[in-house]
Protein backbone atom coordinates (compact mmCIF):
# COMPACT_ATOMS: atom_id res chain seq x y z
CA MET A 1 -27.27 59.69 -44.07
CA ALA A 2 -27.96 56.20 -41.90
CA LYS A 3 -24.13 54.74 -42.51
CA LYS A 4 -25.71 51.66 -42.18
CA PRO A 5 -26.75 49.07 -44.72
CA GLY A 6 -30.25 48.78 -45.23
CA MET A 7 -32.72 46.91 -47.80
CA ASP A 8 -32.42 49.83 -50.42
CA LEU A 9 -28.76 48.79 -50.91
CA PRO A 10 -28.62 45.45 -52.76
CA VAL A 11 -31.56 47.27 -54.63
CA SER A 12 -29.58 50.21 -55.42
CA ILE A 13 -26.79 48.25 -56.60
CA ALA A 14 -28.79 45.83 -58.98
CA VAL A 15 -30.68 48.66 -60.63
CA GLY A 16 -27.87 50.96 -60.91
CA SER A 17 -26.00 48.22 -62.48
CA ALA A 18 -28.50 47.08 -64.94
CA TYR A 19 -28.79 50.61 -65.96
CA ALA A 20 -25.14 50.92 -66.28
CA ALA A 21 -24.92 47.73 -68.04
CA SER A 22 -27.85 48.27 -70.62
CA VAL A 23 -26.37 51.83 -71.39
CA TYR A 24 -23.11 50.69 -72.43
CA ALA A 25 -24.52 47.51 -74.21
CA THR A 26 -26.62 50.24 -76.31
CA PHE A 27 -23.86 52.16 -77.40
CA THR A 28 -21.60 49.21 -78.08
CA ASN A 29 -24.03 47.09 -79.87
CA GLY A 30 -24.00 44.41 -76.82
CA GLU A 31 -26.13 41.34 -77.03
CA ALA A 32 -28.94 42.32 -74.18
CA VAL A 33 -30.07 45.01 -72.32
CA TRP A 34 -32.32 45.04 -69.00
CA PHE A 35 -34.07 48.25 -69.12
CA ASP A 36 -37.40 46.19 -68.85
CA SER A 37 -36.34 44.72 -65.84
CA VAL A 38 -35.04 47.84 -64.35
CA THR A 39 -38.47 49.59 -65.17
CA MET A 40 -40.72 46.67 -64.02
CA PHE A 41 -38.86 46.57 -60.55
CA VAL A 42 -38.87 50.26 -59.74
CA PHE A 43 -42.70 49.55 -60.80
CA PHE A 44 -43.64 46.88 -58.22
CA LEU A 45 -40.74 48.15 -55.60
CA THR A 46 -43.24 51.56 -55.79
CA LEU A 47 -46.28 49.82 -55.82
CA GLY A 48 -45.16 47.97 -52.40
CA ARG A 49 -44.07 51.30 -50.77
CA PHE A 50 -47.29 53.07 -51.82
CA LEU A 51 -49.71 50.46 -50.46
CA GLU A 52 -47.25 50.80 -46.93
CA MET A 53 -47.70 54.34 -46.71
CA ARG A 54 -51.35 54.22 -47.71
CA ALA A 55 -51.77 52.08 -44.52
CA ARG A 56 -49.54 54.26 -42.37
CA HIS A 57 -51.34 57.55 -43.32
CA ARG A 58 -54.82 56.38 -42.31
CA SER A 59 -53.96 57.13 -39.27
CA ILE A 60 -52.68 60.70 -39.76
CA ASP A 61 -55.65 61.11 -41.59
CA ARG A 62 -57.67 60.72 -38.03
CA SER A 63 -55.38 63.35 -36.64
CA ALA A 64 -55.93 66.16 -39.45
CA ALA A 65 -59.69 65.43 -39.38
CA LEU A 66 -59.69 66.05 -35.46
CA SER A 67 -57.51 69.48 -35.96
CA ALA A 68 -59.99 70.40 -38.40
CA LYS A 69 -63.03 70.27 -36.10
CA LEU A 70 -61.97 73.27 -34.27
CA PRO A 71 -63.64 76.60 -35.93
CA ASN A 72 -61.37 79.63 -36.67
CA THR A 73 -63.18 82.19 -34.55
CA ALA A 74 -65.55 82.29 -31.54
CA THR A 75 -67.89 84.83 -30.09
CA ARG A 76 -66.95 86.03 -26.87
CA ILE A 77 -69.06 88.11 -24.41
CA GLU A 78 -67.69 90.88 -22.40
CA ALA A 79 -70.02 92.49 -20.12
CA ASP A 80 -72.80 93.71 -22.65
CA ASP A 81 -70.33 93.49 -25.78
CA ILE A 82 -70.10 90.81 -27.94
CA SER A 83 -67.26 90.48 -30.23
CA VAL A 84 -66.39 87.70 -32.81
CA VAL A 85 -62.16 86.87 -32.03
CA PRO A 86 -59.65 84.19 -33.36
CA VAL A 87 -60.11 81.03 -31.30
CA SER A 88 -56.29 81.54 -30.45
CA GLN A 89 -57.11 84.65 -28.31
CA LEU A 90 -59.43 82.51 -26.12
CA ILE A 91 -58.26 82.09 -22.35
CA ALA A 92 -59.73 80.04 -19.43
CA GLY A 93 -62.45 81.99 -18.02
CA ASP A 94 -64.05 83.40 -21.05
CA ARG A 95 -67.59 83.58 -21.74
CA VAL A 96 -68.55 82.38 -25.27
CA LEU A 97 -71.80 82.34 -27.02
CA ILE A 98 -72.27 79.39 -29.33
CA ARG A 99 -75.27 79.14 -31.79
CA ALA A 100 -76.83 75.65 -33.43
CA GLY A 101 -74.52 74.59 -35.93
CA ASP A 102 -71.27 75.94 -34.39
CA ALA A 103 -68.44 73.90 -33.47
CA ILE A 104 -67.02 74.06 -29.96
CA PRO A 105 -64.14 76.13 -30.14
CA ALA A 106 -62.79 75.11 -26.23
CA ASP A 107 -63.69 72.84 -23.46
CA GLY A 108 -65.77 74.58 -20.97
CA ILE A 109 -69.02 74.51 -18.87
CA ILE A 110 -72.44 75.49 -19.88
CA GLU A 111 -73.64 78.51 -18.27
CA SER A 112 -77.22 79.07 -19.82
CA GLY A 113 -79.11 77.08 -22.01
CA SER A 114 -79.41 73.42 -23.19
CA THR A 115 -78.64 71.49 -26.61
CA SER A 116 -77.86 68.23 -28.48
CA VAL A 117 -73.97 67.93 -28.91
CA ASP A 118 -72.70 65.83 -31.85
CA GLU A 119 -69.46 64.18 -30.21
CA ALA A 120 -68.97 61.52 -32.68
CA LEU A 121 -65.39 62.27 -33.66
CA LEU A 122 -64.11 62.76 -30.32
CA THR A 123 -66.05 59.81 -28.67
CA GLY A 124 -67.40 57.45 -31.72
CA GLU A 125 -70.83 58.15 -30.09
CA ALA A 126 -73.21 58.42 -33.03
CA ARG A 127 -76.01 59.69 -30.97
CA PRO A 128 -76.33 63.27 -30.19
CA GLN A 129 -75.60 63.94 -26.34
CA LEU A 130 -78.15 66.16 -24.35
CA LYS A 131 -76.18 68.82 -22.61
CA SER A 132 -77.67 71.62 -20.05
CA GLU A 133 -76.67 74.01 -17.58
CA GLY A 134 -73.39 72.69 -15.28
CA ASP A 135 -72.51 70.09 -17.85
CA LEU A 136 -69.08 69.74 -19.59
CA ILE A 137 -68.59 70.41 -23.36
CA ALA A 138 -65.48 69.61 -25.01
CA ALA A 139 -64.07 71.54 -27.92
CA GLY A 140 -64.53 70.16 -31.36
CA SER A 141 -68.23 68.94 -30.62
CA ILE A 142 -70.95 70.33 -32.79
CA ASN A 143 -73.66 72.14 -31.03
CA LEU A 144 -76.82 70.79 -32.84
CA ASP A 145 -79.91 72.94 -32.09
CA GLY A 146 -79.66 75.35 -29.06
CA LEU A 147 -78.36 78.56 -28.26
CA ILE A 148 -75.62 78.22 -25.18
CA GLU A 149 -73.38 80.40 -23.43
CA MET A 150 -70.19 78.37 -22.07
CA HIS A 151 -67.57 79.11 -19.46
CA VAL A 152 -64.26 77.84 -20.89
CA THR A 153 -62.05 76.17 -18.88
CA ARG A 154 -59.05 74.61 -21.25
CA THR A 155 -57.86 76.17 -24.72
CA GLY A 156 -55.83 75.13 -27.62
CA GLY A 157 -53.24 72.10 -26.72
CA ASP A 158 -54.76 71.54 -23.21
CA THR A 159 -58.40 70.54 -24.29
CA THR A 160 -59.41 66.92 -24.76
CA LEU A 161 -59.20 67.43 -28.37
CA GLY A 162 -55.73 69.17 -28.56
CA THR A 163 -54.64 66.41 -26.01
CA ILE A 164 -55.60 63.44 -28.39
CA SER A 165 -53.93 65.04 -31.66
CA ARG A 166 -50.64 65.51 -29.46
CA LEU A 167 -50.66 62.03 -28.11
CA SER A 168 -51.77 60.62 -31.88
CA GLU A 169 -48.90 62.58 -33.22
CA ARG A 170 -46.29 61.10 -30.74
CA ALA A 171 -47.19 57.95 -31.39
CA ARG A 172 -46.45 58.22 -35.21
CA TYR A 173 -42.94 59.21 -34.62
CA THR A 174 -42.26 56.56 -32.21
CA ARG A 175 -40.62 53.57 -33.68
CA PRO A 176 -41.77 50.37 -31.95
CA ALA A 177 -38.96 48.31 -30.33
CA PHE A 178 -40.25 45.40 -32.50
CA VAL A 179 -39.93 47.08 -35.84
CA THR A 180 -36.68 48.49 -34.51
CA ILE A 181 -35.36 44.75 -34.27
CA ALA A 182 -36.67 43.73 -37.48
CA ASP A 183 -34.43 46.72 -39.30
CA ARG A 184 -31.37 45.51 -37.41
CA VAL A 185 -31.84 42.15 -38.51
CA ALA A 186 -32.52 43.04 -41.97
CA SER A 187 -29.33 45.10 -42.20
CA TYR A 188 -27.33 42.15 -40.98
CA ILE A 189 -29.03 39.85 -43.87
CA VAL A 190 -28.27 42.53 -46.18
CA ILE A 191 -24.45 42.36 -45.63
CA ALA A 192 -24.87 38.48 -45.97
CA LEU A 193 -26.52 38.71 -49.01
CA LEU A 194 -24.14 41.10 -50.72
CA GLY A 195 -21.43 38.30 -49.62
CA VAL A 196 -23.31 35.74 -51.35
CA ALA A 197 -23.52 37.97 -54.40
CA THR A 198 -20.02 38.50 -54.68
CA ILE A 199 -19.39 34.32 -54.20
CA VAL A 200 -21.67 33.93 -57.02
CA ALA A 201 -20.08 36.50 -59.20
CA ALA A 202 -16.79 35.09 -58.47
CA TYR A 203 -17.92 31.71 -59.24
CA TRP A 204 -19.57 32.37 -62.46
CA TYR A 205 -17.13 34.48 -63.68
CA PHE A 206 -14.84 31.72 -63.67
CA VAL A 207 -17.45 28.92 -64.80
CA GLU A 208 -19.42 30.75 -67.58
CA PRO A 209 -18.14 34.70 -67.62
CA GLU A 210 -20.83 35.73 -70.10
CA ARG A 211 -23.42 34.84 -67.58
CA ALA A 212 -21.75 36.07 -64.23
CA PHE A 213 -23.11 39.42 -64.55
CA VAL A 214 -26.75 38.60 -65.45
CA ILE A 215 -26.97 36.04 -62.74
CA THR A 216 -25.32 38.40 -60.03
CA LEU A 217 -27.60 40.89 -60.95
CA SER A 218 -30.63 38.23 -60.37
CA VAL A 219 -29.25 37.18 -57.12
CA LEU A 220 -29.03 41.00 -55.85
CA VAL A 221 -32.75 41.47 -56.81
CA VAL A 222 -34.28 38.24 -55.83
CA THR A 223 -33.21 38.08 -52.75
CA CYS A 224 -33.28 42.12 -51.56
CA PRO A 225 -35.15 41.65 -47.81
CA CYS A 226 -37.68 44.18 -48.65
CA ALA A 227 -40.32 41.62 -47.49
CA LEU A 228 -38.70 40.86 -44.06
CA ALA A 229 -38.40 44.85 -43.55
CA LEU A 230 -42.02 45.24 -44.59
CA ALA A 231 -43.68 42.57 -42.29
CA THR A 232 -43.56 44.37 -38.88
CA PRO A 233 -44.25 48.15 -39.78
CA ALA A 234 -46.97 47.47 -42.49
CA ALA A 235 -49.02 45.07 -39.84
CA PHE A 236 -48.61 47.79 -37.08
CA ALA A 237 -49.22 50.59 -39.23
CA ALA A 238 -52.95 48.99 -40.36
CA ALA A 239 -53.46 47.86 -36.69
CA GLY A 240 -53.06 51.67 -35.39
CA SER A 241 -55.25 52.83 -37.89
CA ARG A 242 -58.07 50.02 -37.42
CA LEU A 243 -57.90 50.59 -34.06
CA SER A 244 -58.16 54.54 -34.08
CA GLN A 245 -61.71 53.81 -36.24
CA LEU A 246 -62.53 51.68 -33.24
CA ARG A 247 -62.34 54.33 -30.46
CA LEU A 248 -58.63 53.40 -29.50
CA LEU A 249 -55.83 55.95 -30.20
CA VAL A 250 -52.49 54.16 -29.90
CA THR A 251 -49.81 56.70 -28.26
CA ASN A 252 -47.35 54.21 -27.67
CA GLY A 253 -45.83 52.30 -30.60
CA ASN A 254 -44.91 49.24 -28.14
CA ALA A 255 -48.46 48.76 -26.85
CA ILE A 256 -49.93 46.29 -29.53
CA GLU A 257 -46.82 43.97 -28.82
CA ALA A 258 -47.32 44.23 -25.20
CA LEU A 259 -51.23 43.81 -25.18
CA SER A 260 -50.62 40.62 -27.13
CA ARG A 261 -48.43 39.51 -24.30
CA ALA A 262 -51.05 40.01 -21.60
CA THR A 263 -52.27 37.91 -19.06
CA THR A 264 -54.10 40.20 -16.35
CA VAL A 265 -56.28 43.07 -16.84
CA MET A 266 -56.62 45.42 -13.74
CA PHE A 267 -59.31 48.01 -13.45
CA ASP A 268 -59.50 51.29 -11.50
CA LYS A 269 -63.18 51.68 -10.21
CA THR A 270 -64.10 55.15 -9.92
CA GLY A 271 -64.30 56.61 -13.41
CA THR A 272 -62.95 54.02 -15.24
CA LEU A 273 -65.36 51.07 -14.18
CA THR A 274 -67.94 53.88 -13.39
CA ARG A 275 -68.95 56.71 -15.56
CA GLY A 276 -67.18 59.39 -13.81
CA MET A 277 -70.45 61.34 -13.14
CA PRO A 278 -70.96 60.49 -9.70
CA GLU A 279 -73.68 62.02 -7.38
CA ILE A 280 -73.95 62.73 -3.67
CA THR A 281 -76.87 60.57 -2.51
CA SER A 282 -76.54 61.36 1.73
CA VAL A 283 -75.14 63.79 3.90
CA MET A 284 -74.29 62.78 7.36
CA VAL A 285 -73.91 66.15 9.69
CA LEU A 286 -71.87 65.50 12.79
CA ASP A 287 -71.22 69.07 13.79
CA PRO A 288 -74.67 70.52 15.12
CA SER A 289 -73.40 74.13 14.19
CA MET A 290 -73.48 73.29 10.64
CA THR A 291 -76.33 72.36 8.36
CA GLU A 292 -76.01 70.23 5.15
CA TYR A 293 -75.90 73.20 2.90
CA ASP A 294 -73.12 74.82 5.19
CA CYS A 295 -70.94 71.14 4.45
CA ARG A 296 -71.72 71.22 0.67
CA LEU A 297 -70.21 74.57 0.35
CA VAL A 298 -66.88 74.14 1.87
CA ALA A 299 -66.74 70.66 0.19
CA ALA A 300 -67.22 72.31 -2.88
CA ALA A 301 -64.88 75.14 -2.52
CA LEU A 302 -62.31 72.50 -1.35
CA GLU A 303 -62.76 70.18 -4.16
CA THR A 304 -61.82 73.13 -6.36
CA ALA A 305 -58.56 71.93 -6.68
CA SER A 306 -59.05 68.29 -7.33
CA VAL A 307 -59.53 66.59 -10.89
CA HIS A 308 -60.45 63.55 -8.91
CA PRO A 309 -63.67 62.28 -10.71
CA LEU A 310 -65.26 62.34 -7.35
CA ALA A 311 -64.63 66.00 -6.79
CA LYS A 312 -67.64 66.66 -9.70
CA ALA A 313 -70.29 65.59 -7.26
CA PHE A 314 -69.44 68.45 -4.93
CA SER A 315 -69.58 71.02 -8.04
CA MET A 316 -72.18 73.93 -6.95
CA SER A 317 -73.14 76.87 -8.90
CA ALA A 318 -73.39 78.91 -5.54
CA SER A 319 -70.90 81.29 -4.07
CA LEU A 320 -68.31 79.70 -2.57
CA PRO A 321 -65.80 80.24 0.59
CA LYS A 322 -62.82 81.28 -0.15
CA VAL A 323 -59.97 79.04 0.29
CA SER A 324 -56.19 79.51 0.76
CA ARG A 325 -53.15 77.16 1.10
CA GLN A 326 -55.33 74.12 -0.97
CA HIS A 327 -53.22 71.33 -1.00
CA VAL A 328 -53.92 67.79 -3.11
CA GLU A 329 -52.63 64.66 -1.73
CA VAL A 330 -52.99 62.54 -4.67
CA GLY A 331 -55.11 59.55 -4.25
CA GLN A 332 -56.12 60.49 -0.68
CA GLY A 333 -57.94 64.20 -0.57
CA VAL A 334 -57.83 68.02 -0.18
CA SER A 335 -57.22 70.14 2.32
CA GLY A 336 -57.39 73.82 2.56
CA THR A 337 -57.59 77.19 4.75
CA ILE A 338 -61.15 78.93 5.24
CA ASP A 339 -61.62 81.58 7.70
CA GLY A 340 -58.63 80.66 9.47
CA ARG A 341 -59.34 77.13 10.20
CA ARG A 342 -57.90 74.41 8.32
CA TRP A 343 -60.21 71.99 6.45
CA ARG A 344 -59.72 68.52 5.10
CA ILE A 345 -61.82 66.38 2.53
CA GLY A 346 -61.17 62.82 1.42
CA SER A 347 -60.64 59.57 2.72
CA ALA A 348 -61.45 58.45 6.33
CA LYS A 349 -57.81 58.07 7.23
CA TYR A 350 -57.07 61.41 5.60
CA ALA A 351 -59.57 63.24 7.45
CA GLY A 352 -58.77 61.34 10.49
CA SER A 353 -62.37 60.17 11.38
CA GLY A 354 -63.25 58.04 14.72
CA ALA A 355 -63.58 54.17 14.32
CA ALA A 356 -67.60 54.52 14.95
CA ILE A 357 -67.79 56.65 12.02
CA GLU A 358 -65.57 54.34 9.64
CA GLY A 359 -67.94 51.46 11.06
CA ASP A 360 -70.90 53.27 9.75
CA SER A 361 -69.78 54.68 6.84
CA ALA A 362 -68.40 50.67 5.68
CA ASN A 363 -72.31 49.78 5.39
CA THR A 364 -72.56 51.84 2.23
CA THR A 365 -72.07 50.69 -1.27
CA GLY A 366 -71.04 53.53 -2.91
CA THR A 367 -67.79 55.68 -1.86
CA SER A 368 -67.62 57.17 1.45
CA VAL A 369 -66.02 60.76 1.53
CA PHE A 370 -64.92 62.75 4.92
CA LEU A 371 -65.09 66.40 5.85
CA ALA A 372 -62.94 67.43 8.82
CA VAL A 373 -62.03 70.68 10.44
CA ASP A 374 -58.92 70.81 12.38
CA GLY A 375 -58.80 67.19 13.01
CA THR A 376 -62.36 67.07 13.94
CA LEU A 377 -64.97 65.33 11.71
CA VAL A 378 -67.69 67.23 10.60
CA ALA A 379 -69.86 65.02 8.09
CA TRP A 380 -69.74 62.62 5.82
CA PHE A 381 -70.84 62.01 2.11
CA ASP A 382 -72.06 58.61 0.26
CA VAL A 383 -71.19 59.17 -3.46
CA GLN A 384 -72.63 56.95 -5.94
CA ASP A 385 -71.63 56.48 -9.62
CA GLU A 386 -73.20 54.69 -12.21
CA LEU A 387 -71.59 51.80 -14.09
CA ARG A 388 -70.25 51.93 -17.75
CA PRO A 389 -72.55 50.21 -20.25
CA ASP A 390 -71.20 46.70 -21.42
CA VAL A 391 -68.61 46.39 -17.99
CA ALA A 392 -70.10 42.64 -17.78
CA THR A 393 -69.96 42.26 -21.10
CA THR A 394 -66.32 43.51 -21.36
CA LEU A 395 -65.37 41.23 -18.26
CA ALA A 396 -66.80 38.11 -19.68
CA ALA A 397 -65.16 38.53 -23.05
CA LEU A 398 -61.76 39.07 -21.10
CA ASP A 399 -62.54 35.83 -19.41
CA ARG A 400 -63.13 33.90 -22.51
CA LEU A 401 -59.82 35.47 -24.09
CA GLY A 402 -58.33 33.61 -20.73
CA LEU A 403 -57.23 36.82 -19.32
CA ARG A 404 -57.24 37.49 -15.38
CA THR A 405 -59.42 40.48 -14.03
CA ALA A 406 -58.78 42.41 -10.74
CA LEU A 407 -59.85 45.63 -9.36
CA LEU A 408 -57.58 48.19 -7.59
CA SER A 409 -59.71 50.48 -5.64
CA GLY A 410 -59.00 53.59 -2.98
CA ASP A 411 -62.59 53.08 -2.04
CA ASN A 412 -64.19 51.77 1.14
CA LYS A 413 -63.96 47.67 1.51
CA ASN A 414 -67.82 47.27 1.11
CA ALA A 415 -68.23 49.52 -1.83
CA VAL A 416 -65.35 47.79 -3.69
CA GLU A 417 -66.38 44.43 -2.30
CA VAL A 418 -70.07 44.69 -3.29
CA LEU A 419 -69.24 45.86 -7.04
CA ALA A 420 -66.51 42.80 -7.49
CA THR A 421 -69.38 40.56 -6.47
CA ARG A 422 -71.62 41.93 -8.68
CA LEU A 423 -69.18 41.75 -11.81
CA GLY A 424 -67.54 38.48 -10.39
CA ILE A 425 -64.13 40.04 -9.97
CA GLU A 426 -62.70 37.61 -7.58
CA ASP A 427 -59.31 39.68 -7.18
CA PHE A 428 -60.04 43.12 -5.56
CA PHE A 429 -58.06 45.42 -3.59
CA PHE A 430 -59.78 48.31 -1.21
CA GLU A 431 -58.56 51.54 0.21
CA CYS A 432 -55.28 51.63 -1.97
CA THR A 433 -53.13 54.38 -2.31
CA PRO A 434 -51.33 55.02 -5.82
CA GLN A 435 -48.27 53.37 -3.93
CA GLN A 436 -49.82 50.28 -3.04
CA LYS A 437 -51.65 50.28 -6.28
CA LEU A 438 -48.19 49.96 -7.98
CA GLU A 439 -46.96 47.26 -5.58
CA ILE A 440 -49.62 45.00 -6.47
CA ILE A 441 -48.91 45.72 -10.19
CA GLU A 442 -45.32 44.92 -9.52
CA ALA A 443 -45.90 41.75 -7.29
CA ALA A 444 -47.80 40.33 -10.45
CA GLN A 445 -45.10 41.23 -12.97
CA ARG A 446 -42.69 39.09 -10.54
CA ASP A 447 -45.01 36.26 -10.59
CA GLY A 448 -44.82 36.51 -14.58
CA GLU A 449 -47.95 38.23 -15.23
CA ARG A 450 -47.96 40.74 -18.08
CA VAL A 451 -50.14 43.43 -16.54
CA VAL A 452 -52.55 45.83 -18.27
CA MET A 453 -53.78 48.79 -16.34
CA VAL A 454 -57.05 50.51 -17.13
CA GLY A 455 -57.34 53.86 -15.28
CA ASP A 456 -58.35 57.55 -15.78
CA GLY A 457 -57.18 59.70 -12.82
CA ILE A 458 -54.11 61.71 -11.64
CA ASN A 459 -53.38 59.06 -9.04
CA ASP A 460 -53.31 56.57 -11.72
CA ALA A 461 -50.52 58.20 -13.55
CA PRO A 462 -47.64 56.26 -11.56
CA VAL A 463 -49.51 52.60 -11.90
CA LEU A 464 -50.06 53.36 -15.36
CA ALA A 465 -46.70 54.04 -16.14
CA GLY A 466 -45.78 50.90 -14.28
CA ALA A 467 -47.62 48.19 -16.04
CA ASP A 468 -46.65 46.50 -19.12
CA THR A 469 -49.44 48.72 -20.82
CA SER A 470 -52.16 50.98 -20.03
CA ILE A 471 -55.07 52.31 -21.06
CA ALA A 472 -57.09 55.64 -20.03
CA PRO A 473 -60.29 56.88 -20.85
CA ALA A 474 -60.37 60.00 -22.80
CA HIS A 475 -62.12 62.03 -20.54
CA GLY A 476 -59.68 61.35 -17.84
CA ALA A 477 -56.79 63.46 -15.95
CA LEU A 478 -54.45 64.79 -18.61
CA LEU A 479 -51.49 63.35 -16.56
CA ALA A 480 -53.66 59.73 -17.33
CA GLN A 481 -53.42 60.15 -20.72
CA THR A 482 -49.89 61.18 -20.89
CA SER A 483 -48.60 58.03 -19.08
CA ALA A 484 -51.24 55.98 -20.95
CA ASP A 485 -50.08 53.48 -24.13
CA VAL A 486 -53.69 53.95 -25.45
CA ILE A 487 -56.62 56.27 -25.04
CA MET A 488 -60.28 54.91 -25.21
CA LEU A 489 -62.98 56.90 -26.39
CA GLY A 490 -66.36 56.86 -25.47
CA ASP A 491 -68.20 55.38 -22.57
CA SER A 492 -67.89 51.75 -23.40
CA LEU A 493 -65.39 49.36 -22.05
CA LEU A 494 -65.49 47.23 -25.07
CA PRO A 495 -62.75 48.60 -26.64
CA VAL A 496 -60.49 47.24 -23.99
CA THR A 497 -61.62 43.68 -25.67
CA THR A 498 -61.16 45.10 -29.15
CA ALA A 499 -57.60 46.01 -27.95
CA VAL A 500 -56.29 42.73 -26.87
CA ARG A 501 -58.12 40.89 -29.42
CA MET A 502 -56.55 43.47 -32.21
CA SER A 503 -52.94 43.20 -30.97
CA GLY A 504 -53.15 39.32 -30.90
CA LYS A 505 -54.24 39.13 -34.56
CA THR A 506 -51.74 41.86 -35.45
CA MET A 507 -48.77 39.80 -33.65
CA ARG A 508 -50.28 36.51 -35.65
CA ILE A 509 -50.20 38.70 -39.03
CA VAL A 510 -46.52 39.46 -38.30
CA ARG A 511 -45.49 36.17 -37.70
CA GLN A 512 -47.08 35.07 -40.91
CA ASN A 513 -45.19 38.09 -42.71
CA LEU A 514 -41.70 37.02 -41.20
CA ALA A 515 -42.41 33.41 -42.04
CA TRP A 516 -43.24 33.82 -45.44
CA ALA A 517 -40.29 36.37 -46.26
CA ILE A 518 -37.86 33.78 -44.83
CA VAL A 519 -39.18 30.90 -46.45
CA TYR A 520 -39.12 33.16 -49.88
CA ASN A 521 -35.71 34.05 -49.77
CA ALA A 522 -34.42 30.36 -48.52
CA LEU A 523 -35.80 29.30 -51.86
CA ALA A 524 -35.22 32.00 -54.18
CA LEU A 525 -31.52 32.58 -53.18
CA PRO A 526 -30.29 28.86 -54.43
CA LEU A 527 -32.62 29.25 -57.55
CA ALA A 528 -31.14 32.45 -58.49
CA ALA A 529 -27.52 31.55 -57.67
CA ALA A 530 -27.93 28.67 -60.05
CA GLY A 531 -29.04 30.65 -62.95
CA PHE A 532 -32.65 29.67 -63.05
CA VAL A 533 -34.22 33.26 -62.39
CA PRO A 534 -33.68 35.90 -64.99
CA PRO A 535 -33.60 39.53 -63.84
CA TRP A 536 -37.39 40.40 -65.18
CA LEU A 537 -38.59 37.15 -63.38
CA ALA A 538 -36.23 38.19 -60.33
CA ALA A 539 -37.90 41.63 -60.26
CA ILE A 540 -41.38 40.31 -60.14
CA GLY A 541 -40.58 37.86 -57.44
CA MET A 542 -39.06 40.02 -54.94
CA SER A 543 -41.82 42.72 -55.61
CA ALA A 544 -44.58 40.16 -55.57
CA SER A 545 -43.14 38.94 -51.93
CA SER A 546 -43.46 42.26 -50.51
CA LEU A 547 -46.91 42.97 -52.33
CA ILE A 548 -48.07 39.84 -50.24
CA VAL A 549 -46.55 41.31 -46.93
CA VAL A 550 -48.23 44.40 -47.41
CA LEU A 551 -51.67 43.03 -48.70
CA ASN A 552 -51.59 40.36 -45.55
CA ALA A 553 -51.01 43.06 -43.41
CA LEU A 554 -53.95 45.16 -44.95
CA ARG A 555 -56.48 42.53 -43.73
CA LEU A 556 -56.28 44.15 -40.33
CA SER A 557 -57.92 47.02 -41.70
CA ARG A 558 -60.98 44.81 -41.89
CA PHE A 559 -60.68 43.79 -38.44
CA SER A 560 -64.47 43.73 -36.70
């Protein structure tokens, strides 16, 4: 029991009263019955509710489609034995054989073979993606034409597919604050309308008693705030459904309203503006007792503990040194003990490099990663990452929308400055810790800015949570996805622009719906109270107002 008046209260009173009066008139040979009005009203009201629920369930259908992509069984390789097991029995570390045409049962890395993979449902990318040894492959993808063996890294709800489904589920059961406020206003209006109906009934009882019941019935029906109550949720449901088709999954119901008020979009660099597939382009070895290969082995061993996008550049298939006491300093680097010596890999400050080396590394346009042992610098790596497609187009589109853009990065000054200049970003910040990024966002908010943060790393999680609203790529760290309000599928950044434009249109639709609902009630109430609206016309009028609101909201389903 809600224990508060809702829009169904005057509806229930009107329908129940009309039906009871009609039954009474039938058995007492009364002058009129209102069965037709009751039937008509229920039909139109149900039709409006059906259209609203249809908009809501479109987003549910996508989540169901995601879940259906997982196979029921997988072919597991154990020594020389191959067996078919339920997917639920797979664990990280298992080796799985995947034939052409099979769905990928878990997240993993290809150990042998190459193939083309269909990732359309996960990323929105229609073209098959070529995958070979060492490449990551996501659960729910379809192996199109090759025979591959995969090393399982994540299963069940921990996979990319499971995370997306779980976050979509969270969004469906979260009521946006805007909708909650609209419901609260509608409940107050219901109380006021019941008071008005009582006054109208009393007036007509003394003026023209035989018309009192019919006029009161019309007032209850025609002024039901159904259109007002549907104005916001119908628009939000249609917007969420359309955004999911456009590679954007809304995980926080308040994101649409927040995006519509955005004034600034701040981007992380690595894994956000770039593709998150970095490569080591050069290595400077400073310790004569070590070779480049030795440095790469140590770096690869240390980076196994990190989920930062740059860690992918250090991955090696060779046998790695055993590391103990590994520790990840978020946004800075990784430390660990190898053969009794304490190693560090990460930023210049974290590794403790000298000023001369920092100066040399500052000349690179890539990201500098430093390797040190027992406080002494051993080597530094120049890591380059390709820009995402459509980055320049996205930034230009945001500029046309009147939004300021900024770049926040933990990389060295030269790398960040070169990229910002190339992309035309005037506001950029370099060598930022997660705390410094958060302080930059909070300073902008104190100046009245409404900040959208786009980032993908585990170090971006507090920053994503601190922004007014946030967007994370689907391939990013799980913590970043959990902190984000919107998850972006695919490699393109254009969905960021889509989210802003769609949210603005959604709020315009909401305002149109609210304006219509208020105007309709303001016009219908005095006409019904004056006795000019019979019950059947009241039923059509109220239902038509609700249908107009829902159909107007469904225009968002055609947003391009």
